[in-house]
Amino acid sequence: MRQNYLRKWRLKLKFSMQELAVKAHVSPATLNTIEHYGHYPRADTRSRIAIALGVSKSTIWPSLENDDDNGK
């Protein structure tokens, strides 16, 4: 399981899970799974979430710096 900081950033930026889900075009269930179970989403999902929050993907998923997909 990879460490992620999605919940930390979502709360810091004052998004509800529903608001972020709508803005990032993902389901609330997906966000819940990422936040509570450490799910590592596909690259396109990671991108949409990061863009919606206005942060880099590596801010939410620090392990991306060493990832094969180079944070895409």
PDB file of N, CA and C in Angstrom:
ATOM      1  N   MET A   1       0.853  -1.178   0.000  1.00  0.00           N
ATOM      2  CA  MET A   1       0.000   0.000   0.000  1.00  0.00           C
ATOM      3  C   MET A   1       0.898   1.240   0.000  1.00  0.00           C
ATOM      4  N   ARG A   2       0.611   2.191  -0.878  1.00  0.00           N
ATOM      5  CA  ARG A   2       1.381   3.417  -0.972  1.00  0.00           C
ATOM      6  C   ARG A   2       0.751   4.491  -0.107  1.00  0.00           C
ATOM      7  N   GLN A   3       1.589   5.271   0.528  1.00  0.00           N
ATOM      8  CA  GLN A   3       1.119   6.385   1.353  1.00  0.00           C
ATOM      9  C   GLN A   3       0.507   7.467   0.457  1.00  0.00           C
ATOM     10  N   ASN A   4      -0.598   8.019   0.885  1.00  0.00           N
ATOM     11  CA  ASN A   4      -1.166   9.161   0.175  1.00  0.00           C
ATOM     12  C   ASN A   4      -1.663  10.192   1.178  1.00  0.00           C
ATOM     13  N   TYR A   5      -1.710  11.423   0.733  1.00  0.00           N
ATOM     14  CA  TYR A   5      -2.125  12.531   1.569  1.00  0.00           C
ATOM     15  C   TYR A   5      -3.397  13.197   1.048  1.00  0.00           C
ATOM     16  N   LEU A   6      -4.210  12.430   0.385  1.00  0.00           N
ATOM     17  CA  LEU A   6      -5.424  12.985  -0.203  1.00  0.00           C
ATOM     18  C   LEU A   6      -6.331  13.591   0.855  1.00  0.00           C
ATOM     19  N   ARG A   7      -6.626  12.868   1.898  1.00  0.00           N
ATOM     20  CA  ARG A   7      -7.529  13.375   2.935  1.00  0.00           C
ATOM     21  C   ARG A   7      -6.975  14.664   3.546  1.00  0.00           C
ATOM     22  N   LYS A   8      -5.686  14.672   3.846  1.00  0.00           N
ATOM     23  CA  LYS A   8      -5.052  15.852   4.440  1.00  0.00           C
ATOM     24  C   LYS A   8      -5.273  17.082   3.555  1.00  0.00           C
ATOM     25  N   TRP A   9      -5.000  16.961   2.264  1.00  0.00           N
ATOM     26  CA  TRP A   9      -5.134  18.088   1.350  1.00  0.00           C
ATOM     27  C   TRP A   9      -6.585  18.444   1.095  1.00  0.00           C
ATOM     28  N   ARG A  10      -7.439  17.449   0.998  1.00  0.00           N
ATOM     29  CA  ARG A  10      -8.864  17.724   0.777  1.00  0.00           C
ATOM     30  C   ARG A  10      -9.426  18.555   1.926  1.00  0.00           C
ATOM     31  N   LEU A  11      -9.096  18.168   3.145  1.00  0.00           N
ATOM     32  CA  LEU A  11      -9.594  18.901   4.305  1.00  0.00           C
ATOM     33  C   LEU A  11      -8.931  20.271   4.425  1.00  0.00           C
ATOM     34  N   LYS A  12      -7.644  20.335   4.167  1.00  0.00           N
ATOM     35  CA  LYS A  12      -6.921  21.606   4.241  1.00  0.00           C
ATOM     36  C   LYS A  12      -7.517  22.635   3.273  1.00  0.00           C
ATOM     37  N   LEU A  13      -7.922  22.160   2.098  1.00  0.00           N
ATOM     38  CA  LEU A  13      -8.485  23.048   1.086  1.00  0.00           C
ATOM     39  C   LEU A  13     -10.004  23.166   1.190  1.00  0.00           C
ATOM     40  N   LYS A  14     -10.549  22.568   2.249  1.00  0.00           N
ATOM     41  CA  LYS A  14     -11.971  22.691   2.596  1.00  0.00           C
ATOM     42  C   LYS A  14     -12.926  22.144   1.535  1.00  0.00           C
ATOM     43  N   PHE A  15     -12.562  21.010   0.976  1.00  0.00           N
ATOM     44  CA  PHE A  15     -13.452  20.304   0.057  1.00  0.00           C
ATOM     45  C   PHE A  15     -14.143  19.188   0.820  1.00  0.00           C
ATOM     46  N   SER A  16     -15.437  19.035   0.608  1.00  0.00           N
ATOM     47  CA  SER A  16     -16.091  17.814   1.074  1.00  0.00           C
ATOM     48  C   SER A  16     -15.721  16.722   0.074  1.00  0.00           C
ATOM     49  N   MET A  17     -15.929  15.496   0.461  1.00  0.00           N
ATOM     50  CA  MET A  17     -15.634  14.400  -0.459  1.00  0.00           C
ATOM     51  C   MET A  17     -16.513  14.512  -1.706  1.00  0.00           C
ATOM     52  N   GLN A  18     -17.766  14.883  -1.513  1.00  0.00           N
ATOM     53  CA  GLN A  18     -18.694  15.024  -2.640  1.00  0.00           C
ATOM     54  C   GLN A  18     -18.248  16.144  -3.578  1.00  0.00           C
ATOM     55  N   GLU A  19     -17.849  17.282  -3.017  1.00  0.00           N
ATOM     56  CA  GLU A  19     -17.392  18.410  -3.846  1.00  0.00           C
ATOM     57  C   GLU A  19     -16.170  18.031  -4.682  1.00  0.00           C
ATOM     58  N   LEU A  20     -15.214  17.373  -4.049  1.00  0.00           N
ATOM     59  CA  LEU A  20     -14.021  16.969  -4.782  1.00  0.00           C
ATOM     60  C   LEU A  20     -14.361  15.934  -5.842  1.00  0.00           C
ATOM     61  N   ALA A  21     -15.241  15.015  -5.524  1.00  0.00           N
ATOM     62  CA  ALA A  21     -15.635  13.994  -6.490  1.00  0.00           C
ATOM     63  C   ALA A  21     -16.218  14.638  -7.744  1.00  0.00           C
ATOM     64  N   VAL A  22     -17.075  15.619  -7.555  1.00  0.00           N
ATOM     65  CA  VAL A  22     -17.678  16.302  -8.701  1.00  0.00           C
ATOM     66  C   VAL A  22     -16.619  17.050  -9.496  1.00  0.00           C
ATOM     67  N   LYS A  23     -15.778  17.795  -8.804  1.00  0.00           N
ATOM     68  CA  LYS A  23     -14.763  18.608  -9.484  1.00  0.00           C
ATOM     69  C   LYS A  23     -13.731  17.749 -10.214  1.00  0.00           C
ATOM     70  N   ALA A  24     -13.389  16.593  -9.630  1.00  0.00           N
ATOM     71  CA  ALA A  24     -12.367  15.719 -10.225  1.00  0.00           C
ATOM     72  C   ALA A  24     -12.967  14.680 -11.176  1.00  0.00           C
ATOM     73  N   HIS A  25     -14.280  14.626 -11.273  1.00  0.00           N
ATOM     74  CA  HIS A  25     -14.958  13.644 -12.139  1.00  0.00           C
ATOM     75  C   HIS A  25     -14.609  12.208 -11.738  1.00  0.00           C
ATOM     76  N   VAL A  26     -14.690  11.957 -10.428  1.00  0.00           N
ATOM     77  CA  VAL A  26     -14.516  10.603  -9.900  1.00  0.00           C
ATOM     78  C   VAL A  26     -15.661  10.351  -8.917  1.00  0.00           C
ATOM     79  N   SER A  27     -15.878   9.113  -8.597  1.00  0.00           N
ATOM     80  CA  SER A  27     -16.960   8.812  -7.664  1.00  0.00           C
ATOM     81  C   SER A  27     -16.499   9.051  -6.224  1.00  0.00           C
ATOM     82  N   PRO A  28     -17.444   9.412  -5.353  1.00  0.00           N
ATOM     83  CA  PRO A  28     -17.102   9.527  -3.940  1.00  0.00           C
ATOM     84  C   PRO A  28     -16.555   8.210  -3.388  1.00  0.00           C
ATOM     85  N   ALA A  29     -17.043   7.098  -3.917  1.00  0.00           N
ATOM     86  CA  ALA A  29     -16.545   5.793  -3.471  1.00  0.00           C
ATOM     87  C   ALA A  29     -15.061   5.624  -3.788  1.00  0.00           C
ATOM     88  N   THR A  30     -14.642   6.132  -4.941  1.00  0.00           N
ATOM     89  CA  THR A  30     -13.224   6.067  -5.300  1.00  0.00           C
ATOM     90  C   THR A  30     -12.398   6.880  -4.318  1.00  0.00           C
ATOM     91  N   LEU A  31     -12.839   8.099  -4.021  1.00  0.00           N
ATOM     92  CA  LEU A  31     -12.114   8.930  -3.059  1.00  0.00           C
ATOM     93  C   LEU A  31     -12.066   8.269  -1.691  1.00  0.00           C
ATOM     94  N   ASN A  32     -13.177   7.690  -1.275  1.00  0.00           N
ATOM     95  CA  ASN A  32     -13.223   6.998   0.006  1.00  0.00           C
ATOM     96  C   ASN A  32     -12.208   5.848   0.047  1.00  0.00           C
ATOM     97  N   THR A  33     -12.148   5.090  -1.023  1.00  0.00           N
ATOM     98  CA  THR A  33     -11.222   3.960  -1.080  1.00  0.00           C
ATOM     99  C   THR A  33      -9.769   4.431  -1.041  1.00  0.00           C
ATOM    100  N   ILE A  34      -9.481   5.529  -1.700  1.00  0.00           N
ATOM    101  CA  ILE A  34      -8.127   6.084  -1.676  1.00  0.00           C
ATOM    102  C   ILE A  34      -7.787   6.567  -0.269  1.00  0.00           C
ATOM    103  N   GLU A  35      -8.689   7.330   0.321  1.00  0.00           N
ATOM    104  CA  GLU A  35      -8.425   7.919   1.633  1.00  0.00           C
ATOM    105  C   GLU A  35      -8.353   6.893   2.754  1.00  0.00           C
ATOM    106  N   HIS A  36      -9.254   5.953   2.750  1.00  0.00           N
ATOM    107  CA  HIS A  36      -9.371   5.055   3.895  1.00  0.00           C
ATOM    108  C   HIS A  36      -8.633   3.732   3.742  1.00  0.00           C
ATOM    109  N   TYR A  37      -8.394   3.323   2.527  1.00  0.00           N
ATOM    110  CA  TYR A  37      -7.756   2.020   2.320  1.00  0.00           C
ATOM    111  C   TYR A  37      -6.441   2.098   1.564  1.00  0.00           C
ATOM    112  N   GLY A  38      -6.012   3.326   1.222  1.00  0.00           N
ATOM    113  CA  GLY A  38      -4.732   3.491   0.554  1.00  0.00           C
ATOM    114  C   GLY A  38      -4.710   3.022  -0.886  1.00  0.00           C
ATOM    115  N   HIS A  39      -5.887   2.918  -1.505  1.00  0.00           N
ATOM    116  CA  HIS A  39      -5.958   2.518  -2.916  1.00  0.00           C
ATOM    117  C   HIS A  39      -5.094   3.444  -3.761  1.00  0.00           C
ATOM    118  N   TYR A  40      -4.390   2.887  -4.717  1.00  0.00           N
ATOM    119  CA  TYR A  40      -3.554   3.666  -5.630  1.00  0.00           C
ATOM    120  C   TYR A  40      -4.255   3.725  -6.981  1.00  0.00           C
ATOM    121  N   PRO A  41      -4.872   4.866  -7.299  1.00  0.00           N
ATOM    122  CA  PRO A  41      -5.670   4.948  -8.526  1.00  0.00           C
ATOM    123  C   PRO A  41      -4.824   5.022  -9.791  1.00  0.00           C
ATOM    124  N   ARG A  42      -5.483   4.840 -10.923  1.00  0.00           N
ATOM    125  CA  ARG A  42      -4.814   4.944 -12.226  1.00  0.00           C
ATOM    126  C   ARG A  42      -4.270   6.347 -12.419  1.00  0.00           C
ATOM    127  N   ALA A  43      -3.329   6.473 -13.337  1.00  0.00           N
ATOM    128  CA  ALA A  43      -2.656   7.753 -13.589  1.00  0.00           C
ATOM    129  C   ALA A  43      -3.650   8.863 -13.947  1.00  0.00           C
ATOM    130  N   ASP A  44      -4.643   8.572 -14.773  1.00  0.00           N
ATOM    131  CA  ASP A  44      -5.590   9.621 -15.158  1.00  0.00           C
ATOM    132  C   ASP A  44      -6.438  10.083 -13.984  1.00  0.00           C
ATOM    133  N   THR A  45      -6.779   9.168 -13.100  1.00  0.00           N
ATOM    134  CA  THR A  45      -7.546   9.523 -11.908  1.00  0.00           C
ATOM    135  C   THR A  45      -6.698  10.368 -10.969  1.00  0.00           C
ATOM    136  N   ARG A  46      -5.442   9.979 -10.788  1.00  0.00           N
ATOM    137  CA  ARG A  46      -4.539  10.784  -9.955  1.00  0.00           C
ATOM    138  C   ARG A  46      -4.415  12.196 -10.508  1.00  0.00           C
ATOM    139  N   SER A  47      -4.311  12.320 -11.815  1.00  0.00           N
ATOM    140  CA  SER A  47      -4.191  13.638 -12.445  1.00  0.00           C
ATOM    141  C   SER A  47      -5.428  14.485 -12.202  1.00  0.00           C
ATOM    142  N   ARG A  48      -6.603  13.915 -12.401  1.00  0.00           N
ATOM    143  CA  ARG A  48      -7.847  14.672 -12.216  1.00  0.00           C
ATOM    144  C   ARG A  48      -7.992  15.149 -10.767  1.00  0.00           C
ATOM    145  N   ILE A  49      -7.632  14.300  -9.818  1.00  0.00           N
ATOM    146  CA  ILE A  49      -7.735  14.675  -8.409  1.00  0.00           C
ATOM    147  C   ILE A  49      -6.748  15.805  -8.089  1.00  0.00           C
ATOM    148  N   ALA A  50      -5.527  15.672  -8.530  1.00  0.00           N
ATOM    149  CA  ALA A  50      -4.520  16.696  -8.260  1.00  0.00           C
ATOM    150  C   ALA A  50      -4.907  18.037  -8.887  1.00  0.00           C
ATOM    151  N   ILE A  51      -5.380  18.001 -10.121  1.00  0.00           N
ATOM    152  CA  ILE A  51      -5.806  19.229 -10.797  1.00  0.00           C
ATOM    153  C   ILE A  51      -6.973  19.870 -10.044  1.00  0.00           C
ATOM    154  N   ALA A  52      -7.930  19.065  -9.630  1.00  0.00           N
ATOM    155  CA  ALA A  52      -9.086  19.587  -8.899  1.00  0.00           C
ATOM    156  C   ALA A  52      -8.670  20.259  -7.593  1.00  0.00           C
ATOM    157  N   LEU A  53      -7.640  19.723  -6.943  1.00  0.00           N
ATOM    158  CA  LEU A  53      -7.159  20.302  -5.697  1.00  0.00           C
ATOM    159  C   LEU A  53      -6.169  21.443  -5.932  1.00  0.00           C
ATOM    160  N   GLY A  54      -5.622  21.510  -7.137  1.00  0.00           N
ATOM    161  CA  GLY A  54      -4.647  22.550  -7.436  1.00  0.00           C
ATOM    162  C   GLY A  54      -3.271  22.271  -6.859  1.00  0.00           C
ATOM    163  N   VAL A  55      -2.939  20.987  -6.735  1.00  0.00           N
ATOM    164  CA  VAL A  55      -1.619  20.585  -6.227  1.00  0.00           C
ATOM    165  C   VAL A  55      -1.003  19.584  -7.202  1.00  0.00           C
ATOM    166  N   SER A  56       0.273  19.311  -7.039  1.00  0.00           N
ATOM    167  CA  SER A  56       0.916  18.310  -7.892  1.00  0.00           C
ATOM    168  C   SER A  56       0.541  16.907  -7.421  1.00  0.00           C
ATOM    169  N   LYS A  57       0.646  15.959  -8.306  1.00  0.00           N
ATOM    170  CA  LYS A  57       0.355  14.566  -7.946  1.00  0.00           C
ATOM    171  C   LYS A  57       1.304  14.086  -6.859  1.00  0.00           C
ATOM    172  N   SER A  58       2.572  14.508  -6.923  1.00  0.00           N
ATOM    173  CA  SER A  58       3.536  14.049  -5.929  1.00  0.00           C
ATOM    174  C   SER A  58       3.279  14.657  -4.550  1.00  0.00           C
ATOM    175  N   THR A  59       2.470  15.714  -4.479  1.00  0.00           N
ATOM    176  CA  THR A  59       2.063  16.258  -3.186  1.00  0.00           C
ATOM    177  C   THR A  59       1.116  15.281  -2.489  1.00  0.00           C
ATOM    178  N   ILE A  60       0.268  14.655  -3.260  1.00  0.00           N
ATOM    179  CA  ILE A  60      -0.683  13.690  -2.702  1.00  0.00           C
ATOM    180  C   ILE A  60      -0.055  12.304  -2.596  1.00  0.00           C
ATOM    181  N   TRP A  61       0.694  11.928  -3.607  1.00  0.00           N
ATOM    182  CA  TRP A  61       1.345  10.619  -3.654  1.00  0.00           C
ATOM    183  C   TRP A  61       2.854  10.820  -3.735  1.00  0.00           C
ATOM    184  N   PRO A  62       3.528  11.013  -2.586  1.00  0.00           N
ATOM    185  CA  PRO A  62       4.972  11.315  -2.595  1.00  0.00           C
ATOM    186  C   PRO A  62       5.817  10.247  -3.272  1.00  0.00           C
ATOM    187  N   SER A  63       5.366   9.028  -3.300  1.00  0.00           N
ATOM    188  CA  SER A  63       6.149   7.957  -3.922  1.00  0.00           C
ATOM    189  C   SER A  63       6.225   8.103  -5.443  1.00  0.00           C
ATOM    190  N   LEU A  64       5.452   9.032  -6.019  1.00  0.00           N
ATOM    191  CA  LEU A  64       5.471   9.216  -7.459  1.00  0.00           C
ATOM    192  C   LEU A  64       6.833   9.656  -7.969  1.00  0.00           C
ATOM    193  N   GLU A  65       7.629  10.296  -7.132  1.00  0.00           N
ATOM    194  CA  GLU A  65       8.937  10.755  -7.580  1.00  0.00           C
ATOM    195  C   GLU A  65       9.789   9.603  -8.088  1.00  0.00           C
ATOM    196  N   ASN A  66       9.527   8.410  -7.597  1.00  0.00           N
ATOM    197  CA  ASN A  66      10.289   7.232  -8.006  1.00  0.00           C
ATOM    198  C   ASN A  66       9.454   6.249  -8.812  1.00  0.00           C
ATOM    199  N   ASP A  67       8.289   6.690  -9.262  1.00  0.00           N
ATOM    200  CA  ASP A  67       7.351   5.812  -9.952  1.00  0.00           C
ATOM    201  C   ASP A  67       7.737   5.616 -11.413  1.00  0.00           C
ATOM    202  N   ASP A  68       7.355   4.475 -11.955  1.00  0.00           N
ATOM    203  CA  ASP A  68       7.612   4.185 -13.360  1.00  0.00           C
ATOM    204  C   ASP A  68       6.879   5.120 -14.291  1.00  0.00           C
ATOM    205  N   ASP A  69       5.713   5.623 -13.869  1.00  0.00           N
ATOM    206  CA  ASP A  69       4.955   6.485 -14.775  1.00  0.00           C
ATOM    207  C   ASP A  69       5.385   7.948 -14.650  1.00  0.00           C
ATOM    208  N   ASN A  70       6.398   8.206 -13.846  1.00  0.00           N
ATOM    209  CA  ASN A  70       6.962   9.553 -13.677  1.00  0.00           C
ATOM    210  C   ASN A  70       5.905  10.586 -13.312  1.00  0.00           C
ATOM    211  N   GLY A  71       4.921  10.150 -12.534  1.00  0.00           N
ATOM    212  CA  GLY A  71       3.918  11.078 -12.039  1.00  0.00           C
ATOM    213  C   GLY A  71       2.858  11.465 -13.044  1.00  0.00           C
ATOM    214  N   LYS A  72       2.749  10.753 -14.135  1.00  0.00           N
ATOM    215  CA  LYS A  72       1.735  11.068 -15.150  1.00  0.00           C
ATOM    216  C   LYS A  72       0.366  10.680 -14.691  1.00  0.00           C
TER     217      LYS A  72
END
